[in-house]
Amino acid sequence: MFTGGTNPYNPEMPPEGNIYIKKAIDLGIPKTALSTTKRVFNTSEESKAIREILKEEDTQPKIILITSAFHMKRAKRQFEKNGFFC
């Protein structure tokens, strides 16, 4: 699952999740195995959007959080705040 993060410096660009899905399909991952969230603007919104999608599947979903090393500590904290086990 990718997030629909937007580029604040270039709002005309499609959400990042759409870009990553196209790349994943090019790499051979089936489209049916891929999804993205609605358009979001920060890490807190990303974690809430994913939680909303997964809320009916598990009360405390376990995820593999992938982001840059620079961003990982803050991202992990946001996702855990919204009920994820990272």
Protein backbone atom coordinates (compact mmCIF):
# COMPACT_ATOMS: atom_id res chain seq x y z
CA MET A 1 0.00 0.00 0.00
CA PHE A 2 1.32 3.39 -0.97
CA THR A 3 0.13 6.72 0.33
CA GLY A 4 -1.32 9.53 -1.72
CA GLY A 5 1.28 12.00 -0.49
CA THR A 6 1.44 15.20 -2.46
CA ASN A 7 4.44 17.31 -3.33
CA PRO A 8 3.92 20.72 -1.70
CA TYR A 9 6.48 22.28 -4.05
CA ASN A 10 4.83 20.96 -7.20
CA PRO A 11 1.07 20.54 -6.64
CA GLU A 12 0.52 19.67 -10.32
CA MET A 13 2.34 16.36 -9.83
CA PRO A 14 0.19 13.29 -9.24
CA PRO A 15 0.21 11.83 -5.71
CA GLU A 16 3.36 9.84 -4.92
CA GLY A 17 1.36 6.65 -4.48
CA ASN A 18 0.18 6.79 -8.09
CA ILE A 19 3.78 7.21 -9.28
CA TYR A 20 4.97 4.27 -7.15
CA ILE A 21 2.13 2.03 -8.30
CA LYS A 22 3.08 2.61 -11.95
CA LYS A 23 6.71 1.76 -11.14
CA ALA A 24 5.70 -1.38 -9.22
CA ILE A 25 3.57 -2.56 -12.17
CA ASP A 26 6.56 -1.92 -14.48
CA LEU A 27 8.59 -4.17 -12.15
CA GLY A 28 6.05 -6.98 -12.53
CA ILE A 29 3.93 -6.63 -9.39
CA PRO A 30 0.29 -7.38 -10.22
CA LYS A 31 -1.96 -4.32 -10.13
CA THR A 32 -4.42 -6.22 -7.94
CA ALA A 33 -1.75 -6.44 -5.20
CA LEU A 34 -1.29 -2.65 -5.09
CA SER A 35 -3.32 0.16 -3.60
CA THR A 36 -2.99 3.75 -2.48
CA THR A 37 -4.69 6.03 -0.01
CA LYS A 38 -6.60 9.17 -0.75
CA ARG A 39 -4.57 12.35 -1.25
CA VAL A 40 -2.74 13.26 1.98
CA PHE A 41 -0.44 16.10 2.93
CA ASN A 42 1.74 14.86 5.82
CA THR A 43 2.82 11.79 7.76
CA SER A 44 0.04 12.09 10.30
CA GLU A 45 -2.58 12.10 7.53
CA GLU A 46 -0.82 9.15 5.87
CA SER A 47 -1.03 7.02 9.01
CA LYS A 48 -4.68 7.96 9.56
CA ALA A 49 -5.60 7.18 5.94
CA ILE A 50 -3.97 3.74 6.09
CA ARG A 51 -5.55 3.04 9.47
CA GLU A 52 -8.96 3.90 8.03
CA ILE A 53 -8.44 1.41 5.20
CA LEU A 54 -7.25 -1.36 7.52
CA LYS A 55 -9.53 -0.69 10.50
CA GLU A 56 -11.94 -3.52 9.74
CA GLU A 57 -9.20 -6.07 9.10
CA ASP A 58 -7.27 -5.92 12.38
CA THR A 59 -7.45 -3.99 15.62
CA GLN A 60 -3.67 -3.52 15.76
CA PRO A 61 -2.27 -4.17 12.30
CA LYS A 62 1.41 -5.04 11.91
CA ILE A 63 3.08 -3.20 9.08
CA ILE A 64 6.48 -2.85 7.50
CA LEU A 65 7.02 0.89 7.34
CA ILE A 66 9.26 2.00 4.50
CA THR A 67 10.59 5.55 4.35
CA SER A 68 13.90 7.37 4.33
CA ALA A 69 16.29 6.94 7.27
CA PHE A 70 15.95 10.67 7.96
CA HIS A 71 12.17 10.35 8.27
CA MET A 72 11.87 6.92 9.94
CA LYS A 73 11.85 7.92 13.63
CA ARG A 74 9.10 10.50 13.19
CA ALA A 75 7.09 8.32 10.80
CA LYS A 76 7.25 5.33 13.15
CA ARG A 77 6.03 7.49 16.02
CA GLN A 78 3.07 8.77 13.96
CA PHE A 79 2.04 5.29 12.83
CA GLU A 80 2.30 3.85 16.34
CA LYS A 81 0.21 6.77 17.64
CA ASN A 82 -2.52 5.65 15.22
CA GLY A 83 -2.53 2.04 16.40
CA PHE A 84 0.06 0.35 14.20
CA PHE A 85 2.73 -2.04 15.36
CA CYS A 86 5.81 -1.20 13.29
